[in-house]
N, C-alpha and C. Protein backbone atom coordinates (compact mmCIF):
# COMPACT_ATOMS: atom_id res chain seq x y z
N MET A 1 -5.74 -10.83 2.11
CA MET A 1 -5.62 -9.70 1.20
C MET A 1 -5.60 -10.49 -0.36
N ASN A 2 -6.31 -9.98 -1.23
CA ASN A 2 -6.43 -10.70 -2.36
C ASN A 2 -5.24 -10.13 -3.23
N ALA A 3 -4.60 -11.25 -4.14
CA ALA A 3 -3.48 -10.95 -5.14
C ALA A 3 -3.87 -9.76 -5.91
N PRO A 4 -2.60 -9.13 -6.50
CA PRO A 4 -2.83 -7.87 -6.84
C PRO A 4 -3.55 -8.03 -8.29
N LEU A 5 -4.08 -7.00 -8.49
CA LEU A 5 -5.23 -6.71 -9.74
C LEU A 5 -4.53 -5.99 -10.88
N GLY A 6 -3.15 -5.66 -10.94
CA GLY A 6 -2.74 -5.05 -12.14
C GLY A 6 -3.31 -3.78 -12.28
N GLY A 7 -3.75 -3.30 -13.75
CA GLY A 7 -4.08 -1.98 -14.13
C GLY A 7 -5.76 -2.15 -13.81
N THR A 8 -6.47 -2.99 -13.25
CA THR A 8 -7.82 -2.94 -13.25
C THR A 8 -8.25 -2.41 -11.98
N SER A 9 -7.47 -1.87 -11.02
CA SER A 9 -8.09 -1.53 -9.73
C SER A 9 -8.04 0.12 -9.83
N GLN A 10 -9.33 0.66 -10.32
CA GLN A 10 -9.54 2.06 -10.50
C GLN A 10 -8.21 2.80 -11.40
N GLY A 11 -7.40 2.16 -12.01
CA GLY A 11 -6.51 2.84 -12.81
C GLY A 11 -5.00 3.19 -12.08
N LEU A 12 -5.11 2.64 -10.79
CA LEU A 12 -3.86 3.03 -10.15
C LEU A 12 -2.54 2.56 -10.60
N THR A 13 -2.50 1.43 -11.25
CA THR A 13 -1.18 1.01 -11.61
C THR A 13 -0.77 1.96 -12.87
N GLY A 14 0.68 2.17 -12.64
CA GLY A 14 1.27 3.20 -13.41
C GLY A 14 1.57 4.48 -13.08
N LEU A 15 0.56 4.84 -12.08
CA LEU A 15 0.62 6.28 -11.52
C LEU A 15 2.05 6.39 -10.71
N ARG A 16 2.50 7.70 -11.12
CA ARG A 16 3.72 8.08 -10.09
C ARG A 16 3.22 8.41 -8.70
N VAL A 17 4.19 7.68 -7.83
CA VAL A 17 3.96 8.00 -6.45
C VAL A 17 4.67 9.01 -5.84
N VAL A 18 3.96 10.00 -5.03
CA VAL A 18 4.59 11.14 -4.56
C VAL A 18 4.68 11.07 -2.94
N ASP A 19 5.54 11.06 -2.35
CA ASP A 19 5.59 10.90 -0.81
C ASP A 19 4.99 12.32 -0.10
N ALA A 20 5.10 12.25 1.24
CA ALA A 20 4.44 13.28 2.03
C ALA A 20 5.13 14.48 1.96
N GLU A 21 6.58 14.61 1.52
CA GLU A 21 7.26 15.60 1.27
C GLU A 21 7.39 16.08 -0.13
N GLY A 22 6.69 15.61 -1.12
CA GLY A 22 6.78 15.90 -2.19
C GLY A 22 7.65 15.25 -3.20
N ALA A 23 8.45 14.28 -2.61
CA ALA A 23 9.39 13.49 -3.56
C ALA A 23 8.82 12.54 -4.30
N LYS A 24 9.48 12.34 -5.49
CA LYS A 24 8.94 11.24 -6.43
C LYS A 24 9.54 9.97 -6.09
N VAL A 25 8.70 9.12 -5.68
CA VAL A 25 9.21 7.66 -5.26
C VAL A 25 9.26 6.72 -6.24
N GLY A 26 8.59 6.33 -7.10
CA GLY A 26 8.55 5.40 -8.09
C GLY A 26 7.23 5.28 -8.69
N VAL A 27 6.56 4.31 -9.25
CA VAL A 27 5.33 4.01 -10.19
C VAL A 27 4.82 3.01 -9.34
N VAL A 28 3.54 2.83 -9.14
CA VAL A 28 2.61 1.88 -8.69
C VAL A 28 2.54 0.67 -9.47
N GLN A 29 3.11 -0.46 -8.85
CA GLN A 29 3.30 -1.76 -9.78
C GLN A 29 2.02 -2.71 -9.53
N GLN A 30 1.54 -2.80 -8.31
CA GLN A 30 0.46 -3.71 -8.17
C GLN A 30 -0.41 -3.15 -7.09
N VAL A 31 -1.70 -3.63 -7.08
CA VAL A 31 -2.67 -3.18 -6.35
C VAL A 31 -3.27 -4.39 -5.41
N TYR A 32 -3.53 -4.46 -4.31
CA TYR A 32 -4.03 -5.42 -3.43
C TYR A 32 -5.56 -4.91 -2.84
N ARG A 33 -6.12 -5.65 -2.96
CA ARG A 33 -7.61 -5.46 -2.38
C ARG A 33 -7.73 -6.19 -1.27
N ASP A 34 -8.75 -5.68 -0.27
CA ASP A 34 -8.99 -6.12 1.12
C ASP A 34 -9.71 -7.46 0.77
N ASP A 35 -9.65 -8.59 1.55
CA ASP A 35 -10.50 -9.71 1.33
C ASP A 35 -12.00 -9.60 1.62
N ALA A 36 -12.03 -8.89 2.46
CA ALA A 36 -13.58 -8.77 3.10
C ALA A 36 -14.24 -7.66 2.26
N THR A 37 -13.61 -6.67 1.95
CA THR A 37 -14.34 -5.48 1.01
C THR A 37 -14.31 -5.53 -0.09
N ASP A 38 -13.23 -6.06 -0.69
CA ASP A 38 -12.81 -6.13 -2.15
C ASP A 38 -12.44 -4.63 -2.56
N GLU A 39 -11.99 -3.72 -1.57
CA GLU A 39 -11.66 -2.55 -1.90
C GLU A 39 -10.12 -2.32 -1.95
N PRO A 40 -9.45 -1.74 -2.82
CA PRO A 40 -8.11 -1.35 -2.91
C PRO A 40 -7.73 -0.80 -1.60
N GLU A 41 -6.55 -1.69 -0.95
CA GLU A 41 -6.01 -1.21 0.28
C GLU A 41 -4.50 -1.03 0.44
N TRP A 42 -3.92 -1.66 -0.39
CA TRP A 42 -2.38 -1.72 -0.50
C TRP A 42 -1.73 -1.41 -1.94
N ILE A 43 -0.80 -0.70 -2.30
CA ILE A 43 0.01 -0.87 -3.44
C ILE A 43 1.25 -1.18 -3.24
N THR A 44 1.97 -1.62 -4.45
CA THR A 44 3.39 -1.77 -4.33
C THR A 44 4.03 -0.77 -5.09
N VAL A 45 5.30 -0.41 -4.72
CA VAL A 45 6.14 0.68 -5.44
C VAL A 45 7.40 0.30 -5.54
N ARG A 46 8.01 0.22 -6.78
CA ARG A 46 9.53 0.04 -6.83
C ARG A 46 10.43 0.96 -6.20
N THR A 47 11.20 0.46 -5.35
CA THR A 47 12.22 1.39 -4.47
C THR A 47 13.62 0.92 -4.59
N GLY A 48 14.52 1.61 -3.97
CA GLY A 48 15.75 1.01 -3.93
C GLY A 48 16.44 1.57 -5.04
N LEU A 49 17.78 1.02 -4.99
CA LEU A 49 18.76 1.48 -6.01
C LEU A 49 18.37 0.64 -7.28
N PHE A 50 18.30 1.55 -8.25
CA PHE A 50 17.67 0.83 -9.58
C PHE A 50 16.28 0.29 -9.56
N GLY A 51 15.55 0.59 -8.58
CA GLY A 51 14.12 0.22 -8.49
C GLY A 51 13.93 -1.31 -8.33
N LEU A 52 14.84 -2.01 -7.96
CA LEU A 52 14.76 -3.51 -7.88
C LEU A 52 14.11 -4.15 -6.66
N LYS A 53 13.56 -3.20 -5.75
CA LYS A 53 12.53 -3.61 -4.61
C LYS A 53 11.24 -3.39 -4.54
N GLU A 54 10.30 -3.95 -4.22
CA GLU A 54 8.99 -3.36 -4.37
C GLU A 54 8.58 -3.45 -2.99
N SER A 55 8.04 -2.02 -2.57
CA SER A 55 7.58 -2.00 -1.08
C SER A 55 6.06 -1.53 -1.31
N PHE A 56 5.41 -2.20 -0.07
CA PHE A 56 3.97 -2.16 0.11
C PHE A 56 3.85 -0.70 0.76
N VAL A 57 2.84 -0.22 0.30
CA VAL A 57 2.40 1.24 0.77
C VAL A 57 0.83 1.33 1.03
N PRO A 58 0.40 1.69 2.19
CA PRO A 58 -1.12 1.66 2.34
C PRO A 58 -1.88 2.81 1.48
N LEU A 59 -2.78 2.44 0.94
CA LEU A 59 -3.64 3.43 0.20
C LEU A 59 -4.62 4.41 1.22
N ALA A 60 -4.49 4.17 2.53
CA ALA A 60 -5.21 5.05 3.54
C ALA A 60 -4.69 6.40 3.33
N GLY A 61 -5.38 7.34 3.24
CA GLY A 61 -4.83 8.97 3.20
C GLY A 61 -4.37 9.26 2.01
N ALA A 62 -4.16 8.37 0.85
CA ALA A 62 -3.72 8.81 -0.36
C ALA A 62 -4.60 9.25 -1.18
N ARG A 63 -4.02 10.37 -2.19
CA ARG A 63 -5.25 11.04 -3.00
C ARG A 63 -4.47 10.96 -4.41
N ARG A 64 -5.45 10.98 -5.45
CA ARG A 64 -4.98 11.17 -6.85
C ARG A 64 -4.85 12.40 -7.15
N ALA A 65 -3.90 12.79 -7.89
CA ALA A 65 -4.02 14.16 -8.70
C ALA A 65 -3.27 14.12 -10.20
N GLY A 66 -4.16 13.67 -10.94
CA GLY A 66 -3.79 13.68 -12.45
C GLY A 66 -2.86 12.40 -12.53
N ASP A 67 -1.78 12.36 -12.96
CA ASP A 67 -1.11 10.95 -13.03
C ASP A 67 -0.18 10.73 -11.94
N GLU A 68 -0.56 11.42 -10.87
CA GLU A 68 0.13 11.17 -9.56
C GLU A 68 -0.60 10.58 -8.51
N LEU A 69 -0.15 9.72 -7.53
CA LEU A 69 -0.79 9.23 -6.40
C LEU A 69 0.11 9.74 -5.28
N HIS A 70 -0.47 10.86 -4.37
CA HIS A 70 0.11 11.33 -3.41
C HIS A 70 -0.20 10.58 -2.07
N VAL A 71 0.75 10.00 -1.26
CA VAL A 71 0.60 9.17 -0.05
C VAL A 71 1.31 9.94 0.96
N PRO A 72 0.51 9.80 2.28
CA PRO A 72 0.98 10.55 3.38
C PRO A 72 2.11 10.05 4.07
N HIS A 73 2.90 9.24 3.70
CA HIS A 73 4.19 8.68 4.04
C HIS A 73 5.34 9.18 3.35
N THR A 74 6.61 9.09 3.99
CA THR A 74 8.04 9.52 3.37
C THR A 74 8.64 8.38 2.62
N LYS A 75 9.22 8.72 1.72
CA LYS A 75 10.25 7.79 0.92
C LYS A 75 11.04 6.92 1.81
N GLY A 76 11.50 7.46 2.88
CA GLY A 76 12.25 6.67 3.84
C GLY A 76 11.54 5.65 4.35
N ALA A 77 10.22 5.85 4.77
CA ALA A 77 9.38 5.07 5.40
C ALA A 77 8.90 4.00 4.42
N MET A 78 8.78 4.15 3.14
CA MET A 78 8.43 3.19 2.03
C MET A 78 9.65 2.24 1.87
N LYS A 79 10.76 2.86 1.83
CA LYS A 79 12.13 2.12 1.61
C LYS A 79 12.51 0.93 2.71
N THR A 80 12.05 1.56 3.90
CA THR A 80 12.48 0.53 5.11
C THR A 80 11.27 -0.19 5.54
N ALA A 81 10.17 -0.31 4.80
CA ALA A 81 9.01 -1.08 5.02
C ALA A 81 9.48 -2.49 4.93
N PRO A 82 8.84 -3.58 5.88
CA PRO A 82 9.19 -4.78 5.87
C PRO A 82 9.26 -5.29 4.62
N ARG A 83 9.97 -6.30 4.13
CA ARG A 83 10.24 -6.68 2.78
C ARG A 83 9.31 -8.30 2.83
N ILE A 84 8.37 -8.11 1.97
CA ILE A 84 7.43 -8.94 1.79
C ILE A 84 7.15 -9.32 0.17
N ASP A 85 7.28 -10.66 -0.24
CA ASP A 85 6.99 -10.94 -1.37
C ASP A 85 5.73 -10.29 -1.99
N ALA A 86 5.85 -9.74 -3.06
CA ALA A 86 4.67 -8.75 -3.83
C ALA A 86 4.20 -9.87 -4.76
N GLU A 87 4.24 -11.11 -4.71
CA GLU A 87 3.57 -11.93 -5.57
C GLU A 87 2.67 -12.82 -4.81
N GLY A 88 1.27 -12.82 -5.22
CA GLY A 88 0.47 -13.66 -4.53
C GLY A 88 -0.35 -12.85 -3.44
N HIS A 89 -0.77 -13.75 -2.24
CA HIS A 89 -1.66 -13.19 -1.28
C HIS A 89 -0.91 -12.64 -0.19
N LEU A 90 -1.45 -11.44 0.28
CA LEU A 90 -0.76 -10.96 1.38
C LEU A 90 -1.51 -11.44 2.68
N ASP A 91 -0.84 -12.26 3.57
CA ASP A 91 -1.39 -12.76 4.66
C ASP A 91 -1.81 -11.79 5.94
N PRO A 92 -2.42 -12.26 6.83
CA PRO A 92 -2.93 -11.29 7.90
C PRO A 92 -1.77 -10.91 8.92
N SER A 93 -0.56 -11.78 8.73
CA SER A 93 0.61 -11.48 9.75
C SER A 93 1.49 -10.48 9.08
N GLU A 94 1.65 -10.68 7.67
CA GLU A 94 2.37 -9.70 6.84
C GLU A 94 1.72 -8.43 6.81
N GLU A 95 0.38 -8.49 6.75
CA GLU A 95 -0.47 -7.19 6.67
C GLU A 95 -0.24 -6.29 8.11
N GLU A 96 -0.22 -7.16 9.19
CA GLU A 96 -0.09 -6.52 10.54
C GLU A 96 1.27 -5.87 10.52
N ARG A 97 2.13 -6.49 10.24
CA ARG A 97 3.70 -6.02 10.17
C ARG A 97 3.64 -4.72 9.59
N LEU A 98 3.08 -4.64 8.45
CA LEU A 98 3.01 -3.41 7.50
C LEU A 98 2.25 -2.20 8.08
N TYR A 99 1.21 -2.78 8.79
CA TYR A 99 0.29 -1.58 9.38
C TYR A 99 1.45 -1.06 10.69
N ARG A 100 1.84 -2.00 11.33
CA ARG A 100 2.89 -1.32 12.24
C ARG A 100 3.70 -0.47 11.93
N HIS A 101 4.49 -0.82 10.87
CA HIS A 101 5.46 -0.15 10.42
C HIS A 101 5.12 1.37 10.10
N TYR A 102 3.85 1.40 9.37
CA TYR A 102 3.20 2.82 9.01
C TYR A 102 2.48 3.49 9.90
N GLY A 103 2.51 2.86 11.32
CA GLY A 103 2.04 3.61 12.40
C GLY A 103 0.38 3.43 12.17
N LEU A 104 -0.19 2.70 11.53
CA LEU A 104 -1.63 2.57 11.29
C LEU A 104 -2.22 1.57 12.07
N LEU A 105 -3.71 1.65 12.36
CA LEU A 105 -4.35 0.49 12.88
C LEU A 105 -5.07 -0.16 11.95
N ARG A 106 -4.89 -1.42 12.22
CA ARG A 106 -5.57 -2.58 10.98
C ARG A 106 -7.09 -2.21 11.04
N PRO A 107 -7.78 -1.87 9.92
CA PRO A 107 -9.44 -1.82 10.10
C PRO A 107 -9.85 -3.03 10.39
N GLY A 108 -10.74 -3.02 11.20
CA GLY A 108 -11.57 -4.32 11.67
C GLY A 108 -12.98 -4.34 11.12
N PRO A 109 -13.72 -5.30 11.45
CA PRO A 109 -15.07 -5.42 11.16
C PRO A 109 -15.68 -4.39 11.75
N ALA A 110 -16.84 -3.91 10.89
CA ALA A 110 -17.90 -2.82 11.52
C ALA A 110 -18.53 -3.05 13.15
N GLY A 111 -18.29 -2.10 13.73
CA GLY A 111 -18.71 -2.37 15.17
C GLY A 111 -18.28 -1.42 16.15
N PRO A 112 -18.77 -1.52 17.35
CA PRO A 112 -18.14 -0.71 18.35
C PRO A 112 -16.59 -0.56 18.53
N ALA A 113 -15.84 0.34 18.60
CA ALA A 113 -14.48 0.46 18.82
C ALA A 113 -13.90 -0.27 20.04
N GLY A 114 -12.90 -1.08 19.78
CA GLY A 114 -12.26 -1.79 21.03
C GLY A 114 -12.89 -2.94 21.29
N THR A 115 -13.85 -3.67 20.58
CA THR A 115 -14.49 -4.75 20.91
C THR A 115 -14.01 -5.82 19.81
N GLU A 116 -13.79 -6.86 20.38
CA GLU A 116 -13.27 -8.26 19.63
C GLU A 116 -14.18 -9.41 19.80
N GLY A 117 -14.36 -10.02 18.84
CA GLY A 117 -15.20 -11.32 19.04
C GLY A 117 -14.66 -12.55 19.47
């Protein structure tokens, strides 16, 4: 996973994040792109008391509405996401932990489902 791209990734940085229950969670801090596709795949959002923690949130299922980014996850799920340093590269093992936390399958290379190389 490539390092964050700040405000250059489709204008996501700075959008207010709204959870699945309509609660405002925080503001998009960083955007991470997939190494293979170069598409935005994760964002970080400041969470916790005084916004001192940055949590990774998958962009799968997210939709933009004006200056808000609505994600299909709860604030609680974001706050309890595995703590991963939001500076630099997101490695595959870290990404796998995050996918498991959010109950998502990690996207794989195009091809028949269930096959591995």
